[in-house]
Amino acid sequence: MNVLGMIPSAVILLGSGPWLGKAAFAGVFVLLLVWLLFMPARLIDEDRGTAWWRSARWWAVLICSVQIAVYLYWG
């Protein structure tokens, strides 16, 4: 039985390039970054007067940005 015959050809074509895998994996982190940037402050219980080094949102955005760079460069 031919397993590849069961997979639609569009899926095979989409998965054929290494750049697409990098973009798809980094895209998940881009969506997370967008959510982190636009998430209401009440969801993380953070005051507006919090210093940047104590801000959970700032650290999450920084870590997410580093993850995007890592997966795009070494992915």
C-alpha atoms as a PDB file:
ATOM      1  CA  MET A   1       0.000   0.000   0.000  1.00  0.00           C
ATOM      2  CA  ASN A   2       1.363   3.389  -1.009  1.00  0.00           C
ATOM      3  CA  VAL A   3       1.269   5.679   2.020  1.00  0.00           C
ATOM      4  CA  LEU A   4       2.206   8.784   0.023  1.00  0.00           C
ATOM      5  CA  GLY A   5      -0.799   8.219  -2.213  1.00  0.00           C
ATOM      6  CA  MET A   6      -3.014   8.809   0.794  1.00  0.00           C
ATOM      7  CA  ILE A   7      -1.501  12.223   1.559  1.00  0.00           C
ATOM      8  CA  PRO A   8      -2.856  15.075  -0.568  1.00  0.00           C
ATOM      9  CA  SER A   9      -0.274  16.440  -2.978  1.00  0.00           C
ATOM     10  CA  ALA A  10      -0.723  19.974  -1.609  1.00  0.00           C
ATOM     11  CA  VAL A  11       0.526  18.833   1.793  1.00  0.00           C
ATOM     12  CA  ILE A  12       3.574  17.212   0.223  1.00  0.00           C
ATOM     13  CA  LEU A  13       4.359  20.361  -1.743  1.00  0.00           C
ATOM     14  CA  LEU A  14       3.947  22.619   1.289  1.00  0.00           C
ATOM     15  CA  GLY A  15       6.295  20.525   3.366  1.00  0.00           C
ATOM     16  CA  SER A  16       9.014  20.246   0.754  1.00  0.00           C
ATOM     17  CA  GLY A  17      11.057  23.357   1.546  1.00  0.00           C
ATOM     18  CA  PRO A  18      13.169  23.853   4.662  1.00  0.00           C
ATOM     19  CA  TRP A  19      12.310  27.555   4.684  1.00  0.00           C
ATOM     20  CA  LEU A  20       8.647  26.732   5.041  1.00  0.00           C
ATOM     21  CA  GLY A  21       9.296  24.632   8.109  1.00  0.00           C
ATOM     22  CA  LYS A  22      11.261  27.467   9.665  1.00  0.00           C
ATOM     23  CA  ALA A  23       8.528  29.951   8.816  1.00  0.00           C
ATOM     24  CA  ALA A  24       5.773  27.717  10.176  1.00  0.00           C
ATOM     25  CA  PHE A  25       7.571  27.035  13.438  1.00  0.00           C
ATOM     26  CA  ALA A  26       8.576  30.684  13.906  1.00  0.00           C
ATOM     27  CA  GLY A  27       5.033  31.693  12.944  1.00  0.00           C
ATOM     28  CA  VAL A  28       3.715  30.035  16.089  1.00  0.00           C
ATOM     29  CA  PHE A  29       6.015  32.249  18.134  1.00  0.00           C
ATOM     30  CA  VAL A  30       5.006  35.311  16.094  1.00  0.00           C
ATOM     31  CA  LEU A  31       1.373  34.638  16.989  1.00  0.00           C
ATOM     32  CA  LEU A  32       2.387  34.293  20.621  1.00  0.00           C
ATOM     33  CA  LEU A  33       4.317  37.574  20.387  1.00  0.00           C
ATOM     34  CA  VAL A  34       1.279  39.369  18.970  1.00  0.00           C
ATOM     35  CA  TRP A  35      -0.834  37.972  21.798  1.00  0.00           C
ATOM     36  CA  LEU A  36       1.732  39.070  24.385  1.00  0.00           C
ATOM     37  CA  LEU A  37       1.831  42.599  22.972  1.00  0.00           C
ATOM     38  CA  PHE A  38      -1.942  43.055  22.868  1.00  0.00           C
ATOM     39  CA  MET A  39      -2.956  41.025  25.920  1.00  0.00           C
ATOM     40  CA  PRO A  40      -4.890  43.072  28.481  1.00  0.00           C
ATOM     41  CA  ALA A  41      -2.817  43.935  31.562  1.00  0.00           C
ATOM     42  CA  ARG A  42      -5.556  42.596  33.859  1.00  0.00           C
ATOM     43  CA  LEU A  43      -4.817  39.072  32.629  1.00  0.00           C
ATOM     44  CA  ILE A  44      -1.301  39.156  34.052  1.00  0.00           C
ATOM     45  CA  ASP A  45      -2.176  41.253  37.101  1.00  0.00           C
ATOM     46  CA  GLU A  46       0.387  43.908  36.323  1.00  0.00           C
ATOM     47  CA  ASP A  47       0.295  47.559  37.348  1.00  0.00           C
ATOM     48  CA  ARG A  48       1.188  50.329  34.925  1.00  0.00           C
ATOM     49  CA  GLY A  49       3.853  51.619  37.295  1.00  0.00           C
ATOM     50  CA  THR A  50       5.853  48.389  37.293  1.00  0.00           C
ATOM     51  CA  ALA A  51       9.516  48.822  36.381  1.00  0.00           C
ATOM     52  CA  TRP A  52      10.524  47.194  33.094  1.00  0.00           C
ATOM     53  CA  TRP A  53      12.775  44.621  34.757  1.00  0.00           C
ATOM     54  CA  ARG A  54       9.855  43.442  36.912  1.00  0.00           C
ATOM     55  CA  SER A  55       7.392  43.289  34.049  1.00  0.00           C
ATOM     56  CA  ALA A  56       6.323  39.747  33.168  1.00  0.00           C
ATOM     57  CA  ARG A  57       5.121  40.960  29.785  1.00  0.00           C
ATOM     58  CA  TRP A  58       8.488  42.541  28.915  1.00  0.00           C
ATOM     59  CA  TRP A  59      10.390  39.349  29.756  1.00  0.00           C
ATOM     60  CA  ALA A  60       7.903  37.190  27.865  1.00  0.00           C
ATOM     61  CA  VAL A  61       8.230  39.420  24.778  1.00  0.00           C
ATOM     62  CA  LEU A  62      12.027  39.289  25.020  1.00  0.00           C
ATOM     63  CA  ILE A  63      12.120  35.490  25.342  1.00  0.00           C
ATOM     64  CA  CYS A  64       9.611  35.067  22.519  1.00  0.00           C
ATOM     65  CA  SER A  65      11.659  37.359  20.269  1.00  0.00           C
ATOM     66  CA  VAL A  66      14.813  35.376  20.996  1.00  0.00           C
ATOM     67  CA  GLN A  67      12.964  32.151  20.191  1.00  0.00           C
ATOM     68  CA  ILE A  68      11.837  33.584  16.847  1.00  0.00           C
ATOM     69  CA  ALA A  69      15.419  34.572  16.005  1.00  0.00           C
ATOM     70  CA  VAL A  70      16.768  31.163  17.034  1.00  0.00           C
ATOM     71  CA  TYR A  71      14.250  29.211  14.959  1.00  0.00           C
ATOM     72  CA  LEU A  72      14.693  31.433  11.918  1.00  0.00           C
ATOM     73  CA  TYR A  73      18.485  31.249  12.057  1.00  0.00           C
ATOM     74  CA  TRP A  74      19.160  27.679  13.195  1.00  0.00           C
ATOM     75  CA  GLY A  75      15.768  26.085  12.544  1.00  0.00           C
END
